[in-house]
């Protein structure tokens, strides 16, 4: 299993993970009080892959999102088990499978070259 830094959207999709995001906007933002937002949602994985690509690193996702309710950029992305792995693979998103294969090949090549 790849580390968090190596995990891409394609790998997470094929692993059956589902991204959930929550807005972290709090009570204070500088000297002004700000009402907490707390909006949360389950992200549509196929749309993420369409817009970002299967090679997009998962750890960068929260840096690229914005809360639709308040416009805040302070967000937390959590990865939870989603659809059954076989169900996801049956959708045959070729881009995801190719990305996982390419990453595995690079990992094997890196380990053998050390």
C-alpha atoms as a PDB file:
ATOM      1  CA  UNK A   1       0.000   0.000   0.000  1.00  0.00           C
ATOM      2  CA  UNK A   2       1.460   3.389  -0.942  1.00  0.00           C
ATOM      3  CA  UNK A   3       2.111   6.025   1.693  1.00  0.00           C
ATOM      4  CA  UNK A   4      -0.171   9.054   2.029  1.00  0.00           C
ATOM      5  CA  UNK A   5       2.263  11.190   0.025  1.00  0.00           C
ATOM      6  CA  UNK A   6       2.328   8.682  -2.849  1.00  0.00           C
ATOM      7  CA  UNK A   7      -1.452   8.080  -2.960  1.00  0.00           C
ATOM      8  CA  UNK A   8      -3.124   9.485  -6.069  1.00  0.00           C
ATOM      9  CA  UNK A   9      -6.806   9.945  -6.832  1.00  0.00           C
ATOM     10  CA  UNK A  10      -6.656   6.926  -9.156  1.00  0.00           C
ATOM     11  CA  UNK A  11      -5.185   4.712  -6.438  1.00  0.00           C
ATOM     12  CA  UNK A  12      -7.695   5.903  -3.852  1.00  0.00           C
ATOM     13  CA  UNK A  13     -10.560   5.282  -6.264  1.00  0.00           C
ATOM     14  CA  UNK A  14      -9.450   1.723  -6.994  1.00  0.00           C
ATOM     15  CA  UNK A  15      -8.797   1.102  -3.278  1.00  0.00           C
ATOM     16  CA  UNK A  16     -12.458   1.888  -2.560  1.00  0.00           C
ATOM     17  CA  UNK A  17     -11.833   5.071  -0.543  1.00  0.00           C
ATOM     18  CA  UNK A  18     -14.325   7.945  -0.523  1.00  0.00           C
ATOM     19  CA  UNK A  19     -13.341  11.589   0.154  1.00  0.00           C
ATOM     20  CA  UNK A  20     -15.355  13.604   2.668  1.00  0.00           C
ATOM     21  CA  UNK A  21     -14.639  17.297   3.182  1.00  0.00           C
ATOM     22  CA  UNK A  22     -15.503  19.621   6.075  1.00  0.00           C
ATOM     23  CA  UNK A  23     -15.122  23.395   6.318  1.00  0.00           C
ATOM     24  CA  UNK A  24     -12.954  24.439   9.281  1.00  0.00           C
ATOM     25  CA  UNK A  25     -13.846  28.124   9.299  1.00  0.00           C
ATOM     26  CA  UNK A  26     -13.970  29.050  12.959  1.00  0.00           C
ATOM     27  CA  UNK A  27     -15.109  31.729  15.371  1.00  0.00           C
ATOM     28  CA  UNK A  28     -12.113  34.018  14.933  1.00  0.00           C
ATOM     29  CA  UNK A  29     -10.389  35.193  11.819  1.00  0.00           C
ATOM     30  CA  UNK A  30      -7.924  37.874  12.909  1.00  0.00           C
ATOM     31  CA  UNK A  31      -9.501  40.535  15.121  1.00  0.00           C
ATOM     32  CA  UNK A  32     -13.042  39.885  13.842  1.00  0.00           C
ATOM     33  CA  UNK A  33     -15.395  37.172  15.037  1.00  0.00           C
ATOM     34  CA  UNK A  34     -16.562  34.851  12.303  1.00  0.00           C
ATOM     35  CA  UNK A  35     -19.449  32.460  12.644  1.00  0.00           C
ATOM     36  CA  UNK A  36     -18.395  28.828  12.177  1.00  0.00           C
ATOM     37  CA  UNK A  37     -19.441  27.238   8.931  1.00  0.00           C
ATOM     38  CA  UNK A  38     -19.015  23.507   9.556  1.00  0.00           C
ATOM     39  CA  UNK A  39     -20.396  22.547   6.126  1.00  0.00           C
ATOM     40  CA  UNK A  40     -19.467  19.002   5.144  1.00  0.00           C
ATOM     41  CA  UNK A  41     -20.062  16.868   2.096  1.00  0.00           C
ATOM     42  CA  UNK A  42     -19.069  13.663   0.369  1.00  0.00           C
ATOM     43  CA  UNK A  43     -17.172  14.488  -2.818  1.00  0.00           C
ATOM     44  CA  UNK A  44     -18.033  12.855  -6.124  1.00  0.00           C
ATOM     45  CA  UNK A  45     -14.963  10.826  -6.994  1.00  0.00           C
ATOM     46  CA  UNK A  46     -15.541  10.536 -10.725  1.00  0.00           C
ATOM     47  CA  UNK A  47     -15.870  14.320 -11.030  1.00  0.00           C
ATOM     48  CA  UNK A  48     -12.592  14.760  -9.139  1.00  0.00           C
ATOM     49  CA  UNK A  49     -10.867  12.410 -11.563  1.00  0.00           C
ATOM     50  CA  UNK A  50     -12.398  14.196 -14.544  1.00  0.00           C
ATOM     51  CA  UNK A  51     -11.256  17.603 -13.325  1.00  0.00           C
ATOM     52  CA  UNK A  52      -7.934  16.796 -11.644  1.00  0.00           C
ATOM     53  CA  UNK A  53      -6.831  13.544 -13.322  1.00  0.00           C
ATOM     54  CA  UNK A  54      -6.024  10.152 -11.846  1.00  0.00           C
ATOM     55  CA  UNK A  55      -2.394  11.155 -11.180  1.00  0.00           C
ATOM     56  CA  UNK A  56      -3.393  14.047  -8.874  1.00  0.00           C
ATOM     57  CA  UNK A  57      -1.891  13.534  -5.372  1.00  0.00           C
ATOM     58  CA  UNK A  58      -4.526  13.063  -2.650  1.00  0.00           C
ATOM     59  CA  UNK A  59      -2.602  15.171  -0.127  1.00  0.00           C
ATOM     60  CA  UNK A  60      -2.968  18.255  -2.378  1.00  0.00           C
ATOM     61  CA  UNK A  61      -6.750  17.993  -2.647  1.00  0.00           C
ATOM     62  CA  UNK A  62      -7.626  20.144   0.368  1.00  0.00           C
ATOM     63  CA  UNK A  63      -5.382  22.924  -0.988  1.00  0.00           C
ATOM     64  CA  UNK A  64      -7.441  23.039  -4.183  1.00  0.00           C
ATOM     65  CA  UNK A  65     -10.944  23.125  -2.703  1.00  0.00           C
ATOM     66  CA  UNK A  66     -13.152  25.975  -1.516  1.00  0.00           C
ATOM     67  CA  UNK A  67     -16.270  25.770   0.669  1.00  0.00           C
ATOM     68  CA  UNK A  68     -19.385  26.370  -1.489  1.00  0.00           C
ATOM     69  CA  UNK A  69     -21.291  27.832   1.472  1.00  0.00           C
ATOM     70  CA  UNK A  70     -18.857  30.408   2.905  1.00  0.00           C
ATOM     71  CA  UNK A  71     -15.996  30.530   0.393  1.00  0.00           C
ATOM     72  CA  UNK A  72     -13.476  29.474   3.054  1.00  0.00           C
ATOM     73  CA  UNK A  73     -10.305  27.676   2.087  1.00  0.00           C
ATOM     74  CA  UNK A  74      -9.570  26.117   5.473  1.00  0.00           C
ATOM     75  CA  UNK A  75     -10.817  22.579   4.880  1.00  0.00           C
ATOM     76  CA  UNK A  76     -10.144  19.048   6.058  1.00  0.00           C
ATOM     77  CA  UNK A  77     -10.399  16.049   3.741  1.00  0.00           C
ATOM     78  CA  UNK A  78     -10.942  12.640   5.319  1.00  0.00           C
ATOM     79  CA  UNK A  79     -10.772   9.364   3.406  1.00  0.00           C
ATOM     80  CA  UNK A  80     -13.333   6.741   4.434  1.00  0.00           C
ATOM     81  CA  UNK A  81     -14.095   3.306   3.018  1.00  0.00           C
ATOM     82  CA  UNK A  82     -16.644   3.780   0.258  1.00  0.00           C
ATOM     83  CA  UNK A  83     -17.930   1.486  -2.435  1.00  0.00           C
ATOM     84  CA  UNK A  84     -16.717  -2.077  -2.526  1.00  0.00           C
ATOM     85  CA  UNK A  85     -13.360  -2.267  -4.299  1.00  0.00           C
ATOM     86  CA  UNK A  86     -14.606  -4.721  -6.935  1.00  0.00           C
ATOM     87  CA  UNK A  87     -17.548  -2.464  -7.740  1.00  0.00           C
ATOM     88  CA  UNK A  88     -15.174   0.427  -8.434  1.00  0.00           C
ATOM     89  CA  UNK A  89     -12.866  -1.698 -10.567  1.00  0.00           C
ATOM     90  CA  UNK A  90     -15.875  -2.918 -12.553  1.00  0.00           C
ATOM     91  CA  UNK A  91     -16.481   0.663 -13.700  1.00  0.00           C
ATOM     92  CA  UNK A  92     -13.177   0.311 -15.552  1.00  0.00           C
ATOM     93  CA  UNK A  93     -11.832   3.822 -15.347  1.00  0.00           C
ATOM     94  CA  UNK A  94      -8.828   3.075 -17.521  1.00  0.00           C
ATOM     95  CA  UNK A  95      -7.065   6.250 -16.466  1.00  0.00           C
ATOM     96  CA  UNK A  96      -7.017   5.039 -12.841  1.00  0.00           C
ATOM     97  CA  UNK A  97      -5.757   1.579 -13.678  1.00  0.00           C
ATOM     98  CA  UNK A  98      -2.978   2.975 -15.876  1.00  0.00           C
ATOM     99  CA  UNK A  99      -1.904   5.395 -13.142  1.00  0.00           C
ATOM    100  CA  UNK A 100      -1.714   2.633 -10.530  1.00  0.00           C
ATOM    101  CA  UNK A 101       0.231   0.398 -12.910  1.00  0.00           C
ATOM    102  CA  UNK A 102       2.689   3.203 -13.746  1.00  0.00           C
ATOM    103  CA  UNK A 103       3.235   4.017 -10.062  1.00  0.00           C
ATOM    104  CA  UNK A 104       3.803   0.361  -9.162  1.00  0.00           C
ATOM    105  CA  UNK A 105       6.320   0.008 -11.999  1.00  0.00           C
ATOM    106  CA  UNK A 106       8.211   3.105 -10.815  1.00  0.00           C
ATOM    107  CA  UNK A 107       8.201   1.842  -7.215  1.00  0.00           C
ATOM    108  CA  UNK A 108       9.590  -1.555  -8.240  1.00  0.00           C
ATOM    109  CA  UNK A 109      12.222   0.099 -10.420  1.00  0.00           C
ATOM    110  CA  UNK A 110      13.246   2.403  -7.551  1.00  0.00           C
ATOM    111  CA  UNK A 111      13.580  -0.484  -5.094  1.00  0.00           C
ATOM    112  CA  UNK A 112      15.597  -2.643  -7.478  1.00  0.00           C
ATOM    113  CA  UNK A 113      17.929   0.248  -8.340  1.00  0.00           C
ATOM    114  CA  UNK A 114      18.887   0.853  -4.688  1.00  0.00           C
END
